[in-house]
Protein backbone atom coordinates (compact mmCIF):
# COMPACT_ATOMS: atom_id res chain seq x y z
CA MET A 1 73.48 14.26 -116.69
CA MET A 2 74.99 12.24 -113.88
CA SER A 3 73.13 9.29 -112.40
CA LEU A 4 72.29 8.73 -108.74
CA THR A 5 74.99 6.08 -108.56
CA SER A 6 77.64 8.59 -109.59
CA TYR A 7 76.68 10.92 -106.76
CA LEU A 8 76.60 8.07 -104.27
CA VAL A 9 80.04 6.87 -105.36
CA LEU A 10 81.41 10.42 -105.05
CA ALA A 11 79.88 10.76 -101.57
CA ALA A 12 81.25 7.37 -100.51
CA ILE A 13 84.74 8.31 -101.71
CA LEU A 14 84.61 11.61 -99.81
CA PHE A 15 83.32 9.87 -96.68
CA LEU A 16 86.05 7.22 -96.85
CA LEU A 17 88.70 9.92 -97.34
CA GLY A 18 87.34 11.62 -94.23
CA VAL A 19 87.45 8.39 -92.22
CA PHE A 20 90.98 7.71 -93.47
CA GLY A 21 92.01 11.23 -92.47
CA ILE A 22 90.59 10.82 -88.98
CA ILE A 23 92.41 7.53 -88.52
CA GLU A 24 95.75 8.63 -89.97
CA ARG A 25 96.08 12.33 -89.14
CA ARG A 26 97.57 13.44 -85.85
CA ASN A 27 97.21 17.16 -86.58
CA LEU A 28 94.08 18.85 -85.20
CA VAL A 29 93.55 20.90 -88.37
CA GLY A 30 93.81 17.72 -90.43
CA LEU A 31 91.16 16.14 -88.24
CA LEU A 32 88.90 19.14 -88.79
CA ILE A 33 89.30 18.90 -92.56
CA SER A 34 88.51 15.19 -92.42
CA ILE A 35 85.32 15.83 -90.47
CA GLU A 36 84.35 18.49 -93.01
CA LEU A 37 84.84 15.98 -95.84
CA MET A 38 82.49 13.58 -94.09
CA LEU A 39 79.85 16.29 -93.60
CA ASN A 40 80.13 17.30 -97.26
CA SER A 41 79.59 13.70 -98.33
CA ALA A 42 76.38 13.66 -96.28
CA SER A 43 75.29 16.87 -98.01
CA ILE A 44 75.90 15.35 -101.43
CA ASN A 45 73.76 12.37 -100.45
CA PHE A 46 70.94 14.63 -99.24
CA MET A 47 71.00 16.61 -102.49
CA ALA A 48 71.25 13.54 -104.74
CA PHE A 49 68.42 11.65 -103.04
CA ASN A 50 66.26 14.75 -103.06
CA HIS A 51 66.87 15.31 -106.77
CA TYR A 52 66.25 11.74 -107.89
CA LEU A 53 63.67 10.45 -105.42
CA PHE A 54 61.63 13.56 -104.58
CA PRO A 55 62.01 16.03 -107.44
CA GLY A 56 60.34 19.35 -106.88
CA THR A 57 60.73 19.30 -103.11
CA VAL A 58 63.28 21.23 -101.10
CA THR A 59 63.84 18.78 -98.27
CA GLY A 60 67.36 17.91 -99.42
CA GLN A 61 68.32 21.55 -99.76
CA ILE A 62 67.02 22.32 -96.28
CA MET A 63 68.96 19.41 -94.81
CA THR A 64 72.07 20.55 -96.69
CA LEU A 65 71.69 24.06 -95.28
CA PHE A 66 71.35 22.52 -91.82
CA VAL A 67 74.56 20.51 -92.41
CA ILE A 68 76.37 23.67 -93.60
CA GLY A 69 75.28 25.51 -90.45
CA LEU A 70 76.32 22.57 -88.30
CA ALA A 71 79.70 22.46 -90.05
CA ALA A 72 80.25 26.17 -89.49
CA ALA A 73 79.45 25.86 -85.79
CA GLU A 74 81.63 22.77 -85.51
CA ALA A 75 84.54 24.50 -87.25
CA THR A 76 84.23 27.52 -84.95
CA LEU A 77 84.28 25.44 -81.78
CA PHE A 78 87.01 23.15 -83.07
CA LEU A 79 89.27 26.05 -84.05
CA ALA A 80 88.74 27.62 -80.62
CA ILE A 81 89.85 24.33 -79.07
CA VAL A 82 92.85 24.19 -81.45
CA PHE A 83 93.91 27.71 -80.42
CA ALA A 84 93.55 26.87 -76.73
CA VAL A 85 95.53 23.64 -77.14
CA TYR A 86 98.26 25.42 -79.12
CA ARG A 87 98.47 28.21 -76.57
CA HIS A 88 98.92 25.71 -73.75
CA TYR A 89 101.09 23.00 -75.39
CA ARG A 90 102.72 24.89 -78.30
CA SER A 91 101.69 22.02 -80.59
CA ILE A 92 98.54 20.78 -82.31
CA ASN A 93 99.72 17.19 -82.56
CA VAL A 94 97.15 15.06 -80.77
CA GLU A 95 99.77 12.57 -79.60
CA GLN A 96 101.65 15.28 -77.72
CA VAL A 97 98.50 16.45 -75.97
CA ASP A 98 98.17 13.54 -73.61
CA HIS A 99 97.28 15.46 -70.47
CA LEU A 100 93.62 15.50 -71.50
CA ARG A 101 93.26 11.74 -71.07
CA GLY A 102 91.15 10.66 -68.13
């Protein structure tokens, strides 16, 4: 059986990979995947804390389901934006889409 620390380390690694992806990636799909990694790390934390601190309750599972729903909605909107950007600029590189700056 894994300890709470193992889950927290795994979640921290996933979160840091997501942050690194957001900083380094210039592709919109890469940014979306990085955001998903960060949301999954939050879900792992919710599940781990629920299992070790409040066993027998379903609060962590409910929060994880909320995060999954939020991620699905976020992915849908983000992909719609990616399609619109690609249709207009013929690229999904965020550095080439500079007309959106204020």
